[in-house]
Amino acid sequence: MDDIPLRDHSMDFGYTLGVLHHIPDTLAGLTACVSKLKPGAPFLMYLYYAFDNRPLWYRILWRLSGLARNVISHLLHGLRFVVSQIIAVLVYWPLARLAKV
């Protein structure tokens, strides 16, 4: 993370999926990644963490979504595509719009 071979403010999009929690200083790693993004560029991040501090309803919802992912991933390609697009429109798109508020 100390020597990312990209110019600062040069990237249109960034992501890190299940990596930053392995770095001793997660915040410094995140800061290094974000410094490479152009202003306003999106950054997708996934961190693993324990659910100890989450309420029961959250843990249940998390398990249900995992179950749904497992079922969807085993569908035929065409059906999987349709289901994923419906979820994108009904769940992710509204959440993305809400995040701008």
PDB file of N, CA and C in Angstrom:
ATOM      1  N   MET A   1       0.820  -1.190   0.000  1.00  0.00           N
ATOM      2  CA  MET A   1       0.000   0.000   0.000  1.00  0.00           C
ATOM      3  C   MET A   1       0.865   1.254   0.000  1.00  0.00           C
ATOM      4  N   ASP A   2       2.110   1.096   0.417  1.00  0.00           N
ATOM      5  CA  ASP A   2       2.996   2.258   0.492  1.00  0.00           C
ATOM      6  C   ASP A   2       3.507   2.707  -0.868  1.00  0.00           C
ATOM      7  N   ASP A   3       3.389   1.854  -1.870  1.00  0.00           N
ATOM      8  CA  ASP A   3       3.972   2.195  -3.172  1.00  0.00           C
ATOM      9  C   ASP A   3       3.068   1.715  -4.314  1.00  0.00           C
ATOM     10  N   ILE A   4       1.865   2.264  -4.387  1.00  0.00           N
ATOM     11  CA  ILE A   4       0.943   1.909  -5.470  1.00  0.00           C
ATOM     12  C   ILE A   4       1.423   2.622  -6.734  1.00  0.00           C
ATOM     13  N   PRO A   5       1.689   1.874  -7.816  1.00  0.00           N
ATOM     14  CA  PRO A   5       2.286   2.485  -9.015  1.00  0.00           C
ATOM     15  C   PRO A   5       1.269   3.216  -9.907  1.00  0.00           C
ATOM     16  N   LEU A   6       0.458   4.061  -9.302  1.00  0.00           N
ATOM     17  CA  LEU A   6      -0.514   4.866 -10.038  1.00  0.00           C
ATOM     18  C   LEU A   6      -0.422   6.300  -9.543  1.00  0.00           C
ATOM     19  N   ARG A   7      -0.671   7.240 -10.447  1.00  0.00           N
ATOM     20  CA  ARG A   7      -0.656   8.649 -10.052  1.00  0.00           C
ATOM     21  C   ARG A   7      -1.863   8.953  -9.170  1.00  0.00           C
ATOM     22  N   ASP A   8      -1.697   9.850  -8.210  1.00  0.00           N
ATOM     23  CA  ASP A   8      -2.823  10.293  -7.401  1.00  0.00           C
ATOM     24  C   ASP A   8      -3.855  10.971  -8.292  1.00  0.00           C
ATOM     25  N   HIS A   9      -5.130  10.803  -7.951  1.00  0.00           N
ATOM     26  CA  HIS A   9      -6.259  11.430  -8.659  1.00  0.00           C
ATOM     27  C   HIS A   9      -6.311  11.054 -10.134  1.00  0.00           C
ATOM     28  N   SER A  10      -5.921   9.808 -10.461  1.00  0.00           N
ATOM     29  CA  SER A  10      -5.886   9.404 -11.875  1.00  0.00           C
ATOM     30  C   SER A  10      -6.914   8.328 -12.239  1.00  0.00           C
ATOM     31  N   MET A  11      -7.573   7.750 -11.266  1.00  0.00           N
ATOM     32  CA  MET A  11      -8.458   6.614 -11.541  1.00  0.00           C
ATOM     33  C   MET A  11      -9.937   7.016 -11.499  1.00  0.00           C
ATOM     34  N   ASP A  12     -10.726   6.439 -12.423  1.00  0.00           N
ATOM     35  CA  ASP A  12     -12.162   6.708 -12.490  1.00  0.00           C
ATOM     36  C   ASP A  12     -12.963   5.845 -11.523  1.00  0.00           C
ATOM     37  N   PHE A  13     -12.396   4.733 -11.083  1.00  0.00           N
ATOM     38  CA  PHE A  13     -13.090   3.786 -10.215  1.00  0.00           C
ATOM     39  C   PHE A  13     -12.056   2.982  -9.450  1.00  0.00           C
ATOM     40  N   GLY A  14     -12.390   2.605  -8.240  1.00  0.00           N
ATOM     41  CA  GLY A  14     -11.496   1.761  -7.456  1.00  0.00           C
ATOM     42  C   GLY A  14     -12.283   0.728  -6.685  1.00  0.00           C
ATOM     43  N   TYR A  15     -11.625  -0.368  -6.360  1.00  0.00           N
ATOM     44  CA  TYR A  15     -12.286  -1.378  -5.538  1.00  0.00           C
ATOM     45  C   TYR A  15     -11.258  -2.202  -4.775  1.00  0.00           C
ATOM     46  N   THR A  16     -11.681  -2.710  -3.655  1.00  0.00           N
ATOM     47  CA  THR A  16     -10.913  -3.673  -2.884  1.00  0.00           C
ATOM     48  C   THR A  16     -11.924  -4.607  -2.234  1.00  0.00           C
ATOM     49  N   LEU A  17     -11.817  -5.866  -2.537  1.00  0.00           N
ATOM     50  CA  LEU A  17     -12.788  -6.837  -2.047  1.00  0.00           C
ATOM     51  C   LEU A  17     -12.096  -7.854  -1.133  1.00  0.00           C
ATOM     52  N   GLY A  18     -12.321  -7.713   0.154  1.00  0.00           N
ATOM     53  CA  GLY A  18     -11.787  -8.667   1.119  1.00  0.00           C
ATOM     54  C   GLY A  18     -10.282  -8.624   1.260  1.00  0.00           C
ATOM     55  N   VAL A  19      -9.680  -7.436   1.165  1.00  0.00           N
ATOM     56  CA  VAL A  19      -8.221  -7.315   1.236  1.00  0.00           C
ATOM     57  C   VAL A  19      -7.775  -6.420   2.392  1.00  0.00           C
ATOM     58  N   LEU A  20      -8.367  -5.261   2.520  1.00  0.00           N
ATOM     59  CA  LEU A  20      -7.861  -4.249   3.462  1.00  0.00           C
ATOM     60  C   LEU A  20      -7.846  -4.695   4.920  1.00  0.00           C
ATOM     61  N   HIS A  21      -8.697  -5.608   5.301  1.00  0.00           N
ATOM     62  CA  HIS A  21      -8.693  -6.052   6.699  1.00  0.00           C
ATOM     63  C   HIS A  21      -7.448  -6.886   7.030  1.00  0.00           C
ATOM     64  N   HIS A  22      -6.684  -7.289   6.017  1.00  0.00           N
ATOM     65  CA  HIS A  22      -5.443  -8.036   6.240  1.00  0.00           C
ATOM     66  C   HIS A  22      -4.250  -7.116   6.496  1.00  0.00           C
ATOM     67  N   ILE A  23      -4.414  -5.837   6.258  1.00  0.00           N
ATOM     68  CA  ILE A  23      -3.327  -4.869   6.409  1.00  0.00           C
ATOM     69  C   ILE A  23      -3.300  -4.385   7.860  1.00  0.00           C
ATOM     70  N   PRO A  24      -2.119  -4.257   8.461  1.00  0.00           N
ATOM     71  CA  PRO A  24      -2.055  -3.823   9.871  1.00  0.00           C
ATOM     72  C   PRO A  24      -2.779  -2.504  10.139  1.00  0.00           C
ATOM     73  N   ASP A  25      -2.682  -1.545   9.210  1.00  0.00           N
ATOM     74  CA  ASP A  25      -3.358  -0.255   9.378  1.00  0.00           C
ATOM     75  C   ASP A  25      -4.385  -0.101   8.252  1.00  0.00           C
ATOM     76  N   THR A  26      -5.601  -0.595   8.502  1.00  0.00           N
ATOM     77  CA  THR A  26      -6.651  -0.603   7.484  1.00  0.00           C
ATOM     78  C   THR A  26      -6.963   0.803   6.992  1.00  0.00           C
ATOM     79  N   LEU A  27      -7.027   1.754   7.909  1.00  0.00           N
ATOM     80  CA  LEU A  27      -7.350   3.134   7.514  1.00  0.00           C
ATOM     81  C   LEU A  27      -6.278   3.706   6.591  1.00  0.00           C
ATOM     82  N   ALA A  28      -5.016   3.447   6.879  1.00  0.00           N
ATOM     83  CA  ALA A  28      -3.935   3.937   6.015  1.00  0.00           C
ATOM     84  C   ALA A  28      -4.029   3.290   4.626  1.00  0.00           C
ATOM     85  N   GLY A  29      -4.366   2.016   4.574  1.00  0.00           N
ATOM     86  CA  GLY A  29      -4.532   1.328   3.292  1.00  0.00           C
ATOM     87  C   GLY A  29      -5.685   1.912   2.498  1.00  0.00           C
ATOM     88  N   LEU A  30      -6.785   2.178   3.177  1.00  0.00           N
ATOM     89  CA  LEU A  30      -7.941   2.780   2.521  1.00  0.00           C
ATOM     90  C   LEU A  30      -7.598   4.172   2.005  1.00  0.00           C
ATOM     91  N   THR A  31      -6.914   4.947   2.805  1.00  0.00           N
ATOM     92  CA  THR A  31      -6.505   6.297   2.411  1.00  0.00           C
ATOM     93  C   THR A  31      -5.601   6.255   1.185  1.00  0.00           C
ATOM     94  N   ALA A  32      -4.674   5.299   1.156  1.00  0.00           N
ATOM     95  CA  ALA A  32      -3.768   5.165   0.007  1.00  0.00           C
ATOM     96  C   ALA A  32      -4.545   4.826  -1.260  1.00  0.00           C
ATOM     97  N   CYS A  33      -5.529   3.941  -1.135  1.00  0.00           N
ATOM     98  CA  CYS A  33      -6.343   3.567  -2.303  1.00  0.00           C
ATOM     99  C   CYS A  33      -7.158   4.744  -2.809  1.00  0.00           C
ATOM    100  N   VAL A  34      -7.817   5.425  -1.892  1.00  0.00           N
ATOM    101  CA  VAL A  34      -8.700   6.532  -2.272  1.00  0.00           C
ATOM    102  C   VAL A  34      -7.906   7.698  -2.870  1.00  0.00           C
ATOM    103  N   SER A  35      -6.672   7.867  -2.460  1.00  0.00           N
ATOM    104  CA  SER A  35      -5.866   8.976  -2.996  1.00  0.00           C
ATOM    105  C   SER A  35      -5.614   8.821  -4.496  1.00  0.00           C
ATOM    106  N   LYS A  36      -5.786   7.638  -5.019  1.00  0.00           N
ATOM    107  CA  LYS A  36      -5.571   7.396  -6.452  1.00  0.00           C
ATOM    108  C   LYS A  36      -6.796   7.758  -7.290  1.00  0.00           C
ATOM    109  N   LEU A  37      -7.940   7.974  -6.645  1.00  0.00           N
ATOM    110  CA  LEU A  37      -9.190   8.247  -7.360  1.00  0.00           C
ATOM    111  C   LEU A  37      -9.334   9.709  -7.751  1.00  0.00           C
ATOM    112  N   LYS A  38      -9.974   9.913  -8.895  1.00  0.00           N
ATOM    113  CA  LYS A  38     -10.355  11.276  -9.285  1.00  0.00           C
ATOM    114  C   LYS A  38     -11.437  11.752  -8.321  1.00  0.00           C
ATOM    115  N   PRO A  39     -11.557  13.072  -8.125  1.00  0.00           N
ATOM    116  CA  PRO A  39     -12.614  13.571  -7.237  1.00  0.00           C
ATOM    117  C   PRO A  39     -13.992  13.081  -7.684  1.00  0.00           C
ATOM    118  N   GLY A  40     -14.755  12.549  -6.742  1.00  0.00           N
ATOM    119  CA  GLY A  40     -16.093  12.065  -7.025  1.00  0.00           C
ATOM    120  C   GLY A  40     -16.153  10.658  -7.599  1.00  0.00           C
ATOM    121  N   ALA A  41     -15.002  10.023  -7.828  1.00  0.00           N
ATOM    122  CA  ALA A  41     -14.990   8.665  -8.382  1.00  0.00           C
ATOM    123  C   ALA A  41     -15.480   7.669  -7.334  1.00  0.00           C
ATOM    124  N   PRO A  42     -16.241   6.667  -7.749  1.00  0.00           N
ATOM    125  CA  PRO A  42     -16.744   5.672  -6.793  1.00  0.00           C
ATOM    126  C   PRO A  42     -15.653   4.700  -6.353  1.00  0.00           C
ATOM    127  N   PHE A  43     -15.828   4.157  -5.168  1.00  0.00           N
ATOM    128  CA  PHE A  43     -14.894   3.181  -4.610  1.00  0.00           C
ATOM    129  C   PHE A  43     -15.715   2.073  -3.964  1.00  0.00           C
ATOM    130  N   LEU A  44     -15.562   0.853  -4.440  1.00  0.00           N
ATOM    131  CA  LEU A  44     -16.262  -0.303  -3.904  1.00  0.00           C
ATOM    132  C   LEU A  44     -15.347  -1.020  -2.929  1.00  0.00           C
ATOM    133  N   MET A  45     -15.845  -1.245  -1.716  1.00  0.00           N
ATOM    134  CA  MET A  45     -15.005  -1.863  -0.695  1.00  0.00           C
ATOM    135  C   MET A  45     -15.803  -2.921   0.045  1.00  0.00           C
ATOM    136  N   TYR A  46     -15.160  -4.030   0.347  1.00  0.00           N
ATOM    137  CA  TYR A  46     -15.762  -5.067   1.167  1.00  0.00           C
ATOM    138  C   TYR A  46     -14.761  -5.454   2.235  1.00  0.00           C
ATOM    139  N   LEU A  47     -15.177  -5.332   3.483  1.00  0.00           N
ATOM    140  CA  LEU A  47     -14.345  -5.726   4.621  1.00  0.00           C
ATOM    141  C   LEU A  47     -15.053  -6.824   5.394  1.00  0.00           C
ATOM    142  N   TYR A  48     -14.309  -7.808   5.837  1.00  0.00           N
ATOM    143  CA  TYR A  48     -14.871  -8.825   6.718  1.00  0.00           C
ATOM    144  C   TYR A  48     -14.849  -8.290   8.136  1.00  0.00           C
ATOM    145  N   TYR A  49     -15.870  -8.610   8.901  1.00  0.00           N
ATOM    146  CA  TYR A  49     -15.869  -8.239  10.311  1.00  0.00           C
ATOM    147  C   TYR A  49     -16.834  -9.133  11.064  1.00  0.00           C
ATOM    148  N   ALA A  50     -16.698  -9.166  12.378  1.00  0.00           N
ATOM    149  CA  ALA A  50     -17.574  -9.974  13.217  1.00  0.00           C
ATOM    150  C   ALA A  50     -18.894  -9.239  13.428  1.00  0.00           C
ATOM    151  N   PHE A  51     -19.947  -9.996  13.601  1.00  0.00           N
ATOM    152  CA  PHE A  51     -21.270  -9.416  13.803  1.00  0.00           C
ATOM    153  C   PHE A  51     -21.616  -9.274  15.292  1.00  0.00           C
ATOM    154  N   ASP A  52     -20.639  -9.311  16.151  1.00  0.00           N
ATOM    155  CA  ASP A  52     -20.880  -9.256  17.596  1.00  0.00           C
ATOM    156  C   ASP A  52     -21.657  -8.021  18.021  1.00  0.00           C
ATOM    157  N   ASN A  53     -21.418  -6.906  17.362  1.00  0.00           N
ATOM    158  CA  ASN A  53     -22.053  -5.652  17.758  1.00  0.00           C
ATOM    159  C   ASN A  53     -23.324  -5.354  16.965  1.00  0.00           C
ATOM    160  N   ARG A  54     -23.831  -6.334  16.201  1.00  0.00           N
ATOM    161  CA  ARG A  54     -25.022  -6.136  15.381  1.00  0.00           C
ATOM    162  C   ARG A  54     -26.241  -6.768  16.047  1.00  0.00           C
ATOM    163  N   PRO A  55     -27.407  -6.155  15.848  1.00  0.00           N
ATOM    164  CA  PRO A  55     -28.627  -6.737  16.444  1.00  0.00           C
ATOM    165  C   PRO A  55     -29.025  -8.039  15.741  1.00  0.00           C
ATOM    166  N   LEU A  56     -29.891  -8.789  16.385  1.00  0.00           N
ATOM    167  CA  LEU A  56     -30.331 -10.079  15.869  1.00  0.00           C
ATOM    168  C   LEU A  56     -30.968  -9.950  14.485  1.00  0.00           C
ATOM    169  N   TRP A  57     -31.803  -8.920  14.278  1.00  0.00           N
ATOM    170  CA  TRP A  57     -32.472  -8.758  12.984  1.00  0.00           C
ATOM    171  C   TRP A  57     -31.455  -8.600  11.859  1.00  0.00           C
ATOM    172  N   TYR A  58     -30.323  -7.932  12.133  1.00  0.00           N
ATOM    173  CA  TYR A  58     -29.289  -7.723  11.128  1.00  0.00           C
ATOM    174  C   TYR A  58     -28.621  -9.048  10.771  1.00  0.00           C
ATOM    175  N   ARG A  59     -28.308  -9.835  11.779  1.00  0.00           N
ATOM    176  CA  ARG A  59     -27.658 -11.126  11.538  1.00  0.00           C
ATOM    177  C   ARG A  59     -28.580 -12.067  10.773  1.00  0.00           C
ATOM    178  N   ILE A  60     -29.881 -12.030  11.088  1.00  0.00           N
ATOM    179  CA  ILE A  60     -30.846 -12.857  10.363  1.00  0.00           C
ATOM    180  C   ILE A  60     -30.940 -12.409   8.906  1.00  0.00           C
ATOM    181  N   LEU A  61     -31.031 -11.105   8.682  1.00  0.00           N
ATOM    182  CA  LEU A  61     -31.086 -10.572   7.321  1.00  0.00           C
ATOM    183  C   LEU A  61     -29.833 -10.949   6.537  1.00  0.00           C
ATOM    184  N   TRP A  62     -28.680 -10.896   7.189  1.00  0.00           N
ATOM    185  CA  TRP A  62     -27.418 -11.262   6.544  1.00  0.00           C
ATOM    186  C   TRP A  62     -27.440 -12.731   6.120  1.00  0.00           C
ATOM    187  N   ARG A  63     -27.914 -13.592   6.998  1.00  0.00           N
ATOM    188  CA  ARG A  63     -27.969 -15.024   6.662  1.00  0.00           C
ATOM    189  C   ARG A  63     -28.969 -15.301   5.544  1.00  0.00           C
ATOM    190  N   LEU A  64     -30.111 -14.610   5.584  1.00  0.00           N
ATOM    191  CA  LEU A  64     -31.106 -14.777   4.523  1.00  0.00           C
ATOM    192  C   LEU A  64     -30.560 -14.328   3.171  1.00  0.00           C
ATOM    193  N   SER A  65     -29.818 -13.210   3.172  1.00  0.00           N
ATOM    194  CA  SER A  65     -29.244 -12.746   1.904  1.00  0.00           C
ATOM    195  C   SER A  65     -28.190 -13.732   1.402  1.00  0.00           C
ATOM    196  N   GLY A  66     -27.446 -14.343   2.301  1.00  0.00           N
ATOM    197  CA  GLY A  66     -26.475 -15.368   1.914  1.00  0.00           C
ATOM    198  C   GLY A  66     -27.157 -16.589   1.322  1.00  0.00           C
ATOM    199  N   LEU A  67     -28.266 -16.962   1.918  1.00  0.00           N
ATOM    200  CA  LEU A  67     -29.053 -18.074   1.395  1.00  0.00           C
ATOM    201  C   LEU A  67     -29.574 -17.749   0.002  1.00  0.00           C
ATOM    202  N   ALA A  68     -30.091 -16.534  -0.172  1.00  0.00           N
ATOM    203  CA  ALA A  68     -30.591 -16.098  -1.483  1.00  0.00           C
ATOM    204  C   ALA A  68     -29.462 -16.108  -2.514  1.00  0.00           C
ATOM    205  N   ARG A  69     -28.284 -15.618  -2.143  1.00  0.00           N
ATOM    206  CA  ARG A  69     -27.136 -15.629  -3.071  1.00  0.00           C
ATOM    207  C   ARG A  69     -26.803 -17.053  -3.503  1.00  0.00           C
ATOM    208  N   ASN A  70     -26.856 -17.981  -2.547  1.00  0.00           N
ATOM    209  CA  ASN A  70     -26.546 -19.372  -2.861  1.00  0.00           C
ATOM    210  C   ASN A  70     -27.564 -19.954  -3.843  1.00  0.00           C
ATOM    211  N   VAL A  71     -28.831 -19.689  -3.614  1.00  0.00           N
ATOM    212  CA  VAL A  71     -29.877 -20.185  -4.511  1.00  0.00           C
ATOM    213  C   VAL A  71     -29.730 -19.560  -5.901  1.00  0.00           C
ATOM    214  N   ILE A  72     -29.568 -18.243  -5.943  1.00  0.00           N
ATOM    215  CA  ILE A  72     -29.460 -17.530  -7.223  1.00  0.00           C
ATOM    216  C   ILE A  72     -28.246 -18.005  -8.014  1.00  0.00           C
ATOM    217  N   SER A  73     -27.137 -18.253  -7.340  1.00  0.00           N
ATOM    218  CA  SER A  73     -25.921 -18.659  -8.047  1.00  0.00           C
ATOM    219  C   SER A  73     -26.064 -20.027  -8.719  1.00  0.00           C
ATOM    220  N   HIS A  74     -27.028 -20.826  -8.287  1.00  0.00           N
ATOM    221  CA  HIS A  74     -27.230 -22.149  -8.886  1.00  0.00           C
ATOM    222  C   HIS A  74     -28.326 -22.167  -9.961  1.00  0.00           C
ATOM    223  N   LEU A  75     -28.925 -21.024 -10.247  1.00  0.00           N
ATOM    224  CA  LEU A  75     -29.946 -20.951 -11.292  1.00  0.00           C
ATOM    225  C   LEU A  75     -29.298 -21.039 -12.670  1.00  0.00           C
ATOM    226  N   LEU A  76     -30.102 -21.382 -13.669  1.00  0.00           N
ATOM    227  CA  LEU A  76     -29.626 -21.351 -15.046  1.00  0.00           C
ATOM    228  C   LEU A  76     -29.234 -19.918 -15.399  1.00  0.00           C
ATOM    229  N   HIS A  77     -28.283 -19.783 -16.309  1.00  0.00           N
ATOM    230  CA  HIS A  77     -27.724 -18.462 -16.623  1.00  0.00           C
ATOM    231  C   HIS A  77     -28.797 -17.414 -16.930  1.00  0.00           C
ATOM    232  N   GLY A  78     -29.708 -17.717 -17.810  1.00  0.00           N
ATOM    233  CA  GLY A  78     -30.724 -16.738 -18.204  1.00  0.00           C
ATOM    234  C   GLY A  78     -31.585 -16.295 -17.033  1.00  0.00           C
ATOM    235  N   LEU A  79     -32.027 -17.263 -16.232  1.00  0.00           N
ATOM    236  CA  LEU A  79     -32.848 -16.944 -15.066  1.00  0.00           C
ATOM    237  C   LEU A  79     -32.041 -16.170 -14.021  1.00  0.00           C
ATOM    238  N   ARG A  80     -30.793 -16.589 -13.837  1.00  0.00           N
ATOM    239  CA  ARG A  80     -29.908 -15.885 -12.895  1.00  0.00           C
ATOM    240  C   ARG A  80     -29.734 -14.430 -13.313  1.00  0.00           C
ATOM    241  N   PHE A  81     -29.578 -14.202 -14.614  1.00  0.00           N
ATOM    242  CA  PHE A  81     -29.421 -12.842 -15.124  1.00  0.00           C
ATOM    243  C   PHE A  81     -30.668 -12.013 -14.835  1.00  0.00           C
ATOM    244  N   VAL A  82     -31.841 -12.560 -15.127  1.00  0.00           N
ATOM    245  CA  VAL A  82     -33.099 -11.842 -14.900  1.00  0.00           C
ATOM    246  C   VAL A  82     -33.266 -11.512 -13.425  1.00  0.00           C
ATOM    247  N   VAL A  83     -33.039 -12.488 -12.555  1.00  0.00           N
ATOM    248  CA  VAL A  83     -33.180 -12.264 -11.112  1.00  0.00           C
ATOM    249  C   VAL A  83     -32.193 -11.199 -10.638  1.00  0.00           C
ATOM    250  N   SER A  84     -30.958 -11.269 -11.115  1.00  0.00           N
ATOM    251  CA  SER A  84     -29.954 -10.283 -10.687  1.00  0.00           C
ATOM    252  C   SER A  84     -30.323  -8.874 -11.147  1.00  0.00           C
ATOM    253  N   GLN A  85     -30.914  -8.760 -12.330  1.00  0.00           N
ATOM    254  CA  GLN A  85     -31.319  -7.439 -12.822  1.00  0.00           C
ATOM    255  C   GLN A  85     -32.488  -6.881 -12.006  1.00  0.00           C
ATOM    256  N   ILE A  86     -33.401  -7.749 -11.627  1.00  0.00           N
ATOM    257  CA  ILE A  86     -34.528  -7.316 -10.787  1.00  0.00           C
ATOM    258  C   ILE A  86     -34.016  -6.831  -9.432  1.00  0.00           C
ATOM    259  N   ILE A  87     -33.094  -7.571  -8.858  1.00  0.00           N
ATOM    260  CA  ILE A  87     -32.512  -7.161  -7.570  1.00  0.00           C
ATOM    261  C   ILE A  87     -31.765  -5.844  -7.731  1.00  0.00           C
ATOM    262  N   ALA A  88     -31.026  -5.694  -8.814  1.00  0.00           N
ATOM    263  CA  ALA A  88     -30.287  -4.450  -9.051  1.00  0.00           C
ATOM    264  C   ALA A  88     -31.220  -3.252  -9.115  1.00  0.00           C
ATOM    265  N   VAL A  89     -32.338  -3.402  -9.827  1.00  0.00           N
ATOM    266  CA  VAL A  89     -33.284  -2.294  -9.995  1.00  0.00           C
ATOM    267  C   VAL A  89     -34.049  -2.000  -8.704  1.00  0.00           C
ATOM    268  N   LEU A  90     -34.455  -3.054  -8.002  1.00  0.00           N
ATOM    269  CA  LEU A  90     -35.299  -2.860  -6.819  1.00  0.00           C
ATOM    270  C   LEU A  90     -34.538  -2.612  -5.522  1.00  0.00           C
ATOM    271  N   VAL A  91     -33.266  -3.050  -5.477  1.00  0.00           N
ATOM    272  CA  VAL A  91     -32.495  -2.915  -4.230  1.00  0.00           C
ATOM    273  C   VAL A  91     -31.299  -1.980  -4.407  1.00  0.00           C
ATOM    274  N   TYR A  92     -30.368  -2.359  -5.287  1.00  0.00           N
ATOM    275  CA  TYR A  92     -29.111  -1.617  -5.375  1.00  0.00           C
ATOM    276  C   TYR A  92     -29.260  -0.224  -5.973  1.00  0.00           C
ATOM    277  N   TRP A  93     -30.072  -0.087  -7.005  1.00  0.00           N
ATOM    278  CA  TRP A  93     -30.237   1.240  -7.608  1.00  0.00           C
ATOM    279  C   TRP A  93     -30.824   2.232  -6.612  1.00  0.00           C
ATOM    280  N   PRO A  94     -31.924   1.884  -5.895  1.00  0.00           N
ATOM    281  CA  PRO A  94     -32.434   2.838  -4.902  1.00  0.00           C
ATOM    282  C   PRO A  94     -31.415   3.141  -3.794  1.00  0.00           C
ATOM    283  N   LEU A  95     -30.678   2.136  -3.358  1.00  0.00           N
ATOM    284  CA  LEU A  95     -29.675   2.388  -2.315  1.00  0.00           C
ATOM    285  C   LEU A  95     -28.568   3.310  -2.822  1.00  0.00           C
ATOM    286  N   ALA A  96     -28.172   3.139  -4.068  1.00  0.00           N
ATOM    287  CA  ALA A  96     -27.144   4.013  -4.648  1.00  0.00           C
ATOM    288  C   ALA A  96     -27.647   5.451  -4.744  1.00  0.00           C
ATOM    289  N   ARG A  97     -28.896   5.635  -5.129  1.00  0.00           N
ATOM    290  CA  ARG A  97     -29.476   6.978  -5.201  1.00  0.00           C
ATOM    291  C   ARG A  97     -29.581   7.587  -3.810  1.00  0.00           C
ATOM    292  N   LEU A  98     -29.975   6.781  -2.840  1.00  0.00           N
ATOM    293  CA  LEU A  98     -30.108   7.239  -1.462  1.00  0.00           C
ATOM    294  C   LEU A  98     -28.747   7.643  -0.883  1.00  0.00           C
ATOM    295  N   ALA A  99     -27.696   6.954  -1.303  1.00  0.00           N
ATOM    296  CA  ALA A  99     -26.353   7.256  -0.794  1.00  0.00           C
ATOM    297  C   ALA A  99     -25.885   8.642  -1.207  1.00  0.00           C
ATOM    298  N   LYS A 100     -26.412   9.178  -2.298  1.00  0.00           N
ATOM    299  CA  LYS A 100     -26.023  10.518  -2.757  1.00  0.00           C
ATOM    300  C   LYS A 100     -26.640  11.625  -1.910  1.00  0.00           C
ATOM    301  N   VAL A 101     -27.688  11.265  -1.137  1.00  0.00           N
ATOM    302  CA  VAL A 101     -28.404  12.266  -0.342  1.00  0.00           C
ATOM    303  C   VAL A 101     -27.609  12.696   0.851  1.00  0.00           C
TER     304      VAL A 101
END
